Amino acid sequence: NLVAKTPPSRDSLDMVALIEEVLALTRGELRRNRVLLQTDFADDLPQPLGDKIQLQQVVLNLVINAAEAMGRLETAPRDLLVGAANDGRAITVSVRDTGVSLSPAAVEQVFEAFHSTKPGGMGMGLAISRSIVEAHGGTIYAAVNHPRGMVFGFTLPVAGTTSDRQHG
């Protein structure tokens, strides 16, 4: 579907279940990198419309990137916090790690195709993730986590708050 540029399917999604399925798939990778996983899911998450497989791919990419970033650390905690929140207008899914912080210049380029901060990385995962999120009417972001590490996340509009409704 990504290659054919077909629009994503629009099914009602349980974001917590979607994220938990991805985390179940990544348990081995997290264990191998000695990552301590925590989750923080809001109780009141609406069900956005979207393509489950595509959005799982985004979450998978963010979680694996975080695990690999922390796996390269010699020492220090390897904490991963995956969360989902709702502000009434959008759902935000965030992946917060205690790995290596990127420079401001690297943060600016991180979603560009063929740009990679990983040894041997192709630089396509985050670019594809950005395309998927934008096709769902959302935005993707990266920010430095304090005191160290990164936060990657994305927002998805909540049904009934999209620009379609505002113009209609």
Protein backbone atom coordinates (compact mmCIF):
# COMPACT_ATOMS: atom_id res chain seq x y z
CA ASN A 1 0.00 0.00 0.00
CA LEU A 2 2.84 2.40 0.75
CA VAL A 3 4.40 1.95 -2.67
CA ALA A 4 1.07 2.14 -4.52
CA LYS A 5 0.25 5.44 -2.77
CA THR A 6 -3.21 4.15 -2.00
CA PRO A 7 -4.91 6.06 0.78
CA PRO A 8 -4.74 4.35 4.17
CA SER A 9 -7.79 2.44 5.31
CA ARG A 10 -9.96 4.28 7.82
CA ASP A 11 -10.95 1.88 10.56
CA SER A 12 -11.77 2.85 14.14
CA LEU A 13 -8.64 2.07 16.16
CA ASP A 14 -8.02 1.15 19.78
CA MET A 15 -4.64 2.88 20.11
CA VAL A 16 -3.74 1.20 23.41
CA ALA A 17 -4.32 -2.27 21.92
CA LEU A 18 -2.41 -1.24 18.77
CA ILE A 19 0.59 -0.07 20.83
CA GLU A 20 0.49 -3.09 23.15
CA GLU A 21 0.59 -5.44 20.14
CA VAL A 22 3.72 -3.66 18.89
CA LEU A 23 5.33 -3.81 22.34
CA ALA A 24 4.65 -7.55 22.49
CA LEU A 25 6.53 -7.91 19.18
CA THR A 26 9.49 -5.90 20.49
CA ARG A 27 9.96 -7.66 23.85
CA GLY A 28 12.92 -9.69 22.56
CA GLU A 29 14.68 -6.62 21.16
CA LEU A 30 14.06 -4.68 24.37
CA ARG A 31 15.37 -7.57 26.46
CA ARG A 32 18.44 -7.95 24.24
CA ASN A 33 19.26 -4.26 24.71
CA ARG A 34 18.48 -4.45 28.46
CA VAL A 35 15.77 -1.81 28.18
CA LEU A 36 13.31 -1.21 31.01
CA LEU A 37 9.89 -0.59 29.43
CA GLN A 38 7.16 1.45 31.08
CA THR A 39 3.83 2.53 29.62
CA ASP A 40 1.53 5.43 30.40
CA PHE A 41 -1.79 5.29 28.56
CA ALA A 42 -4.62 7.74 29.23
CA ASP A 43 -7.91 6.11 30.16
CA ASP A 44 -10.01 8.37 27.95
CA LEU A 45 -8.48 7.76 24.53
CA PRO A 46 -10.97 8.15 21.69
CA GLN A 47 -10.67 5.80 18.75
CA PRO A 48 -9.17 7.64 15.79
CA LEU A 49 -9.75 6.47 12.24
CA GLY A 50 -6.75 4.97 10.53
CA ASP A 51 -4.85 2.09 9.03
CA LYS A 52 -3.84 -0.23 11.87
CA ILE A 53 -0.93 -1.88 10.06
CA GLN A 54 0.58 1.42 8.94
CA LEU A 55 0.32 2.99 12.39
CA GLN A 56 1.77 -0.12 14.00
CA GLN A 57 4.70 0.24 11.61
CA VAL A 58 5.27 3.79 12.89
CA VAL A 59 5.16 2.73 16.55
CA LEU A 60 7.41 -0.26 15.80
CA ASN A 61 9.97 1.97 14.10
CA LEU A 62 10.03 4.45 17.00
CA VAL A 63 10.37 1.71 19.64
CA ILE A 64 13.10 -0.21 17.78
CA ASN A 65 15.04 3.01 17.12
CA ALA A 66 14.88 3.87 20.83
CA ALA A 67 15.98 0.37 21.87
CA GLU A 68 18.91 0.46 19.45
CA ALA A 69 19.94 3.96 20.62
CA MET A 70 20.05 2.78 24.22
CA GLY A 71 21.66 -0.55 23.31
CA ARG A 72 24.79 1.32 22.20
CA LEU A 73 25.26 2.84 25.67
CA GLU A 74 28.10 1.48 27.76
CA THR A 75 26.48 2.36 31.07
CA ALA A 76 23.58 4.41 32.41
CA PRO A 77 19.90 3.59 32.67
CA ARG A 78 18.07 2.31 29.61
CA ASP A 79 14.55 3.49 30.27
CA LEU A 80 11.81 3.54 27.65
CA LEU A 81 8.45 5.19 28.30
CA VAL A 82 5.73 4.65 25.70
CA GLY A 83 2.65 6.76 26.25
CA ALA A 84 -0.61 7.84 24.68
CA ALA A 85 -2.59 10.91 25.71
CA ASN A 86 -5.64 12.86 24.56
CA ASP A 87 -6.15 16.61 24.68
CA GLY A 88 -9.62 16.55 23.11
CA ARG A 89 -8.37 17.56 19.65
CA ALA A 90 -5.66 14.97 19.07
CA ILE A 91 -4.16 11.78 20.40
CA THR A 92 -0.42 11.94 21.05
CA VAL A 93 1.67 8.78 21.05
CA SER A 94 5.16 9.29 22.48
CA VAL A 95 8.27 7.14 22.78
CA ARG A 96 10.71 8.60 25.32
CA ASP A 97 14.17 7.05 25.77
CA THR A 98 17.32 7.67 27.81
CA GLY A 99 19.67 6.96 24.92
CA VAL A 100 21.86 9.39 23.06
CA SER A 101 20.52 12.91 22.52
CA LEU A 102 20.72 14.21 18.97
CA SER A 103 22.12 17.64 18.19
CA PRO A 104 19.60 20.34 17.18
CA ALA A 105 20.88 20.06 13.58
CA ALA A 106 20.34 16.29 13.57
CA VAL A 107 16.81 16.72 15.00
CA GLU A 108 16.02 19.04 12.07
CA GLN A 109 17.08 16.38 9.53
CA VAL A 110 15.95 13.20 11.23
CA PHE A 111 12.75 12.76 9.17
CA GLU A 112 14.44 13.33 5.80
CA ALA A 113 14.84 10.34 3.49
CA PHE A 114 18.30 8.77 3.47
CA HIS A 115 19.39 10.64 6.61
CA SER A 116 20.47 8.26 9.36
CA THR A 117 22.14 8.69 12.72
CA LYS A 118 22.67 4.92 13.04
CA PRO A 119 25.74 3.07 11.80
CA GLY A 120 24.56 1.16 8.72
CA GLY A 121 21.13 2.82 8.83
CA MET A 122 19.34 3.43 5.54
CA GLY A 123 17.57 6.56 6.72
CA MET A 124 14.15 5.45 5.52
CA GLY A 125 12.28 4.41 8.68
CA LEU A 126 11.51 7.88 10.00
CA ALA A 127 10.83 9.28 6.52
CA ILE A 128 8.29 6.51 5.89
CA SER A 129 6.84 7.04 9.37
CA ARG A 130 6.39 10.75 8.61
CA SER A 131 4.57 9.90 5.35
CA ILE A 132 2.24 7.50 7.16
CA VAL A 133 1.41 9.94 9.96
CA GLU A 134 0.84 12.81 7.53
CA ALA A 135 -1.43 10.60 5.38
CA HIS A 136 -3.50 10.17 8.57
CA GLY A 137 -3.77 13.95 9.02
CA GLY A 138 -1.28 13.95 11.88
CA THR A 139 2.16 15.29 12.64
CA ILE A 140 5.35 13.57 13.77
CA TYR A 141 7.99 15.15 15.96
CA ALA A 142 11.35 14.65 17.63
CA ALA A 143 12.73 16.49 20.66
CA VAL A 144 15.61 16.11 23.07
CA ASN A 145 14.64 14.34 26.30
CA HIS A 146 16.11 15.78 29.48
CA PRO A 147 18.51 14.98 31.01
CA ARG A 148 19.40 12.81 28.02
CA GLY A 149 17.87 10.78 25.23
CA MET A 150 15.13 11.58 22.76
CA VAL A 151 11.36 11.80 22.54
CA PHE A 152 9.79 10.78 19.26
CA GLY A 153 6.07 10.90 18.82
CA PHE A 154 3.12 11.67 16.64
CA THR A 155 -0.32 13.13 16.89
CA LEU A 156 -3.49 11.93 15.19
CA PRO A 157 -6.64 14.04 14.93
CA VAL A 158 -9.60 12.85 16.93
CA ALA A 159 -12.66 12.07 14.79
CA GLY A 160 -14.90 15.10 14.49
CA THR A 161 -12.06 17.63 14.91
CA THR A 162 -10.50 17.47 11.47
CA SER A 163 -10.44 20.36 9.05
CA ASP A 164 -13.17 18.60 7.02
CA ARG A 165 -15.61 19.26 9.80
CA GLN A 166 -14.50 22.87 10.25
CA HIS A 167 -15.06 23.62 6.55
CA GLY A 168 -18.39 21.85 6.36
